[in-house]
Structure formats: C-alpha cells, structure tokens
N, C-alpha and C. Protein backbone atom coordinates (compact mmCIF):
# COMPACT_ATOMS: atom_id res chain seq x y z
N UNK A 1 3.26 3.82 -12.49
CA UNK A 1 2.08 3.03 -12.20
C UNK A 1 0.99 3.94 -11.64
N UNK A 2 -0.19 3.74 -12.09
CA UNK A 2 -1.35 4.47 -11.60
C UNK A 2 -1.96 3.68 -10.45
N UNK A 3 -2.59 4.38 -9.52
CA UNK A 3 -3.25 3.72 -8.38
C UNK A 3 -4.22 2.67 -8.89
N UNK A 4 -4.20 1.46 -8.35
CA UNK A 4 -5.03 0.36 -8.84
C UNK A 4 -6.51 0.49 -8.45
N UNK A 5 -7.21 1.42 -9.08
CA UNK A 5 -8.62 1.67 -8.72
C UNK A 5 -9.52 0.46 -8.95
N UNK A 6 -9.27 -0.29 -10.04
CA UNK A 6 -10.13 -1.45 -10.30
C UNK A 6 -10.00 -2.49 -9.18
N UNK A 7 -8.81 -2.62 -8.60
CA UNK A 7 -8.64 -3.55 -7.48
C UNK A 7 -9.32 -3.01 -6.22
N UNK A 8 -9.28 -1.69 -6.05
CA UNK A 8 -9.94 -1.07 -4.91
C UNK A 8 -11.44 -1.27 -4.98
N UNK A 9 -12.01 -1.12 -6.16
CA UNK A 9 -13.46 -1.29 -6.35
C UNK A 9 -13.87 -2.73 -6.02
N UNK A 10 -13.05 -3.69 -6.41
CA UNK A 10 -13.36 -5.11 -6.19
C UNK A 10 -12.99 -5.60 -4.79
N UNK A 11 -12.30 -4.77 -4.02
CA UNK A 11 -11.83 -5.17 -2.70
C UNK A 11 -13.01 -5.44 -1.77
N UNK A 12 -12.98 -6.59 -1.10
CA UNK A 12 -14.10 -7.00 -0.22
C UNK A 12 -13.83 -6.74 1.25
N UNK A 13 -12.62 -6.33 1.60
CA UNK A 13 -12.28 -6.08 3.00
C UNK A 13 -12.65 -4.68 3.43
N UNK A 14 -12.10 -4.28 4.56
CA UNK A 14 -12.35 -2.96 5.13
C UNK A 14 -11.53 -1.91 4.38
N UNK A 15 -12.20 -0.93 3.81
CA UNK A 15 -11.52 0.15 3.11
C UNK A 15 -10.65 0.95 4.08
N UNK A 16 -11.13 1.13 5.31
CA UNK A 16 -10.33 1.84 6.31
C UNK A 16 -9.01 1.11 6.56
N UNK A 17 -9.07 -0.22 6.73
CA UNK A 17 -7.86 -0.99 7.02
C UNK A 17 -6.86 -0.91 5.87
N UNK A 18 -7.31 -1.09 4.63
CA UNK A 18 -6.40 -1.08 3.48
C UNK A 18 -5.82 0.32 3.27
N UNK A 19 -6.62 1.35 3.57
CA UNK A 19 -6.12 2.73 3.46
C UNK A 19 -5.05 2.99 4.51
N UNK A 20 -5.28 2.57 5.73
CA UNK A 20 -4.30 2.75 6.80
C UNK A 20 -3.02 1.96 6.49
N UNK A 21 -3.18 0.74 5.98
CA UNK A 21 -2.02 -0.08 5.63
C UNK A 21 -1.23 0.54 4.49
N UNK A 22 -1.91 1.07 3.49
CA UNK A 22 -1.23 1.71 2.35
C UNK A 22 -0.50 2.97 2.80
N UNK A 23 -1.10 3.71 3.69
CA UNK A 23 -0.47 4.92 4.21
C UNK A 23 0.80 4.58 4.98
N UNK A 24 0.71 3.57 5.83
CA UNK A 24 1.87 3.14 6.62
C UNK A 24 2.98 2.61 5.71
N UNK A 25 2.60 1.80 4.72
CA UNK A 25 3.58 1.23 3.79
C UNK A 25 4.23 2.33 2.94
N UNK A 26 3.46 3.30 2.51
CA UNK A 26 4.01 4.41 1.72
C UNK A 26 5.04 5.17 2.55
N UNK A 27 4.75 5.38 3.81
CA UNK A 27 5.70 6.05 4.70
C UNK A 27 6.98 5.24 4.81
N UNK A 28 6.85 3.91 5.00
CA UNK A 28 8.02 3.05 5.09
C UNK A 28 8.87 3.14 3.82
N UNK A 29 8.23 3.06 2.68
CA UNK A 29 8.95 3.12 1.40
C UNK A 29 9.68 4.45 1.25
N UNK A 30 9.05 5.52 1.63
CA UNK A 30 9.66 6.84 1.52
C UNK A 30 10.85 6.99 2.47
N UNK A 31 10.70 6.52 3.69
CA UNK A 31 11.77 6.64 4.67
C UNK A 31 12.96 5.74 4.34
N UNK A 32 12.69 4.56 3.79
CA UNK A 32 13.76 3.63 3.45
C UNK A 32 14.43 3.97 2.13
N UNK A 33 13.80 4.89 1.39
CA UNK A 33 14.29 5.25 0.06
C UNK A 33 14.49 4.00 -0.79
N UNK A 34 13.45 3.16 -0.78
CA UNK A 34 13.46 1.90 -1.52
C UNK A 34 13.70 2.16 -3.00
N UNK A 35 14.63 1.42 -3.63
CA UNK A 35 14.91 1.62 -5.06
C UNK A 35 13.69 1.40 -5.96
N UNK A 36 12.75 0.59 -5.51
CA UNK A 36 11.55 0.33 -6.30
C UNK A 36 10.71 1.60 -6.47
N UNK A 37 10.83 2.54 -5.53
CA UNK A 37 10.10 3.80 -5.63
C UNK A 37 10.53 4.56 -6.88
N UNK A 38 11.82 4.59 -7.15
CA UNK A 38 12.32 5.28 -8.35
C UNK A 38 11.80 4.63 -9.62
N UNK A 39 11.64 3.31 -9.61
CA UNK A 39 11.10 2.60 -10.77
C UNK A 39 9.65 2.99 -11.04
N UNK A 40 8.96 3.52 -10.02
CA UNK A 40 7.56 3.93 -10.14
C UNK A 40 7.42 5.45 -10.10
N UNK A 41 8.45 6.14 -10.58
CA UNK A 41 8.45 7.60 -10.68
C UNK A 41 8.20 8.30 -9.34
N UNK A 42 8.61 7.69 -8.24
CA UNK A 42 8.47 8.31 -6.93
C UNK A 42 7.06 8.26 -6.36
N UNK A 43 6.18 7.50 -6.96
CA UNK A 43 4.78 7.42 -6.50
C UNK A 43 4.65 6.35 -5.41
N UNK A 44 4.94 6.76 -4.18
CA UNK A 44 4.98 5.81 -3.07
C UNK A 44 3.60 5.26 -2.71
N UNK A 45 2.57 6.06 -2.79
CA UNK A 45 1.23 5.59 -2.43
C UNK A 45 0.74 4.54 -3.43
N UNK A 46 0.95 4.80 -4.71
CA UNK A 46 0.55 3.83 -5.73
C UNK A 46 1.33 2.53 -5.58
N UNK A 47 2.62 2.64 -5.31
CA UNK A 47 3.45 1.44 -5.12
C UNK A 47 2.99 0.67 -3.89
N UNK A 48 2.72 1.37 -2.81
CA UNK A 48 2.25 0.72 -1.58
C UNK A 48 0.93 -0.01 -1.83
N UNK A 49 0.00 0.63 -2.53
CA UNK A 49 -1.29 0.01 -2.83
C UNK A 49 -1.09 -1.23 -3.71
N UNK A 50 -0.23 -1.11 -4.71
CA UNK A 50 0.05 -2.25 -5.59
C UNK A 50 0.60 -3.42 -4.77
N UNK A 51 1.52 -3.15 -3.86
CA UNK A 51 2.11 -4.20 -3.04
C UNK A 51 1.06 -4.86 -2.15
N UNK A 52 0.15 -4.09 -1.61
CA UNK A 52 -0.88 -4.65 -0.75
C UNK A 52 -1.90 -5.47 -1.53
N UNK A 53 -2.37 -4.93 -2.65
CA UNK A 53 -3.39 -5.63 -3.43
C UNK A 53 -2.85 -6.87 -4.13
N UNK A 54 -1.54 -6.91 -4.39
CA UNK A 54 -0.94 -8.10 -5.03
C UNK A 54 -0.37 -9.06 -3.99
N UNK A 55 -0.59 -8.77 -2.73
CA UNK A 55 -0.12 -9.60 -1.61
C UNK A 55 1.39 -9.73 -1.53
N UNK A 56 2.12 -8.77 -2.08
CA UNK A 56 3.58 -8.73 -1.90
C UNK A 56 3.89 -8.36 -0.45
N UNK A 57 3.03 -7.55 0.13
CA UNK A 57 3.17 -7.10 1.51
C UNK A 57 1.86 -7.43 2.22
N UNK A 58 1.97 -7.97 3.42
CA UNK A 58 0.78 -8.32 4.21
C UNK A 58 0.68 -7.38 5.40
N UNK A 59 -0.51 -7.19 5.89
CA UNK A 59 -0.73 -6.35 7.06
C UNK A 59 -1.68 -7.05 8.01
N UNK A 60 -1.63 -6.61 9.25
CA UNK A 60 -2.57 -7.13 10.25
C UNK A 60 -2.92 -6.00 11.21
N UNK A 61 -4.07 -6.09 11.79
CA UNK A 61 -4.52 -5.11 12.75
C UNK A 61 -4.22 -5.66 14.15
N UNK A 62 -3.47 -4.91 14.92
CA UNK A 62 -3.15 -5.34 16.27
C UNK A 62 -4.22 -4.80 17.22
N UNK A 63 -4.72 -5.68 18.05
CA UNK A 63 -5.72 -5.29 19.03
C UNK A 63 -5.03 -4.72 20.27
N UNK A 64 -5.49 -3.57 20.70
CA UNK A 64 -4.93 -2.98 21.91
C UNK A 64 -5.72 -3.47 23.10
N UNK A 65 -5.00 -3.77 24.17
CA UNK A 65 -5.70 -4.26 25.36
C UNK A 65 -5.76 -3.23 26.44
C-alpha cells in the first residue's frame, strides 16, 4: 500500500495531530509485530496512516495540566 496522499490532501483536521498519531501508531505496529504489517510489505507508516484515515484506529489529544 502506498501512503494515502489523496486522503491527506483532503484532510480537514490538524496535520500536526494526524502526523503525531500516525507516528505513534507506526511505532506500536512495529513493536507488536502485527501480522497486518507483513501484508503491507513492512510499510508501517503507510499502514498506520491508512488505519487512521479509514477510522480503523482513533486517536485523541490528552491535555496536560
């Protein structure tokens, strides 16, 4: 799978937030050695972005007090 650039271009939220979420999710996928990573030729960042843009995985920003 190639990184979903068309979804990124159409994204209306914060690019910083989605980038941070994709980075964190890619790290999780790599550390867990998720079998889905192998199905995507080991491309964890593309898989993480796909999961976020398709709402398979949700993220939230925690406010620090």
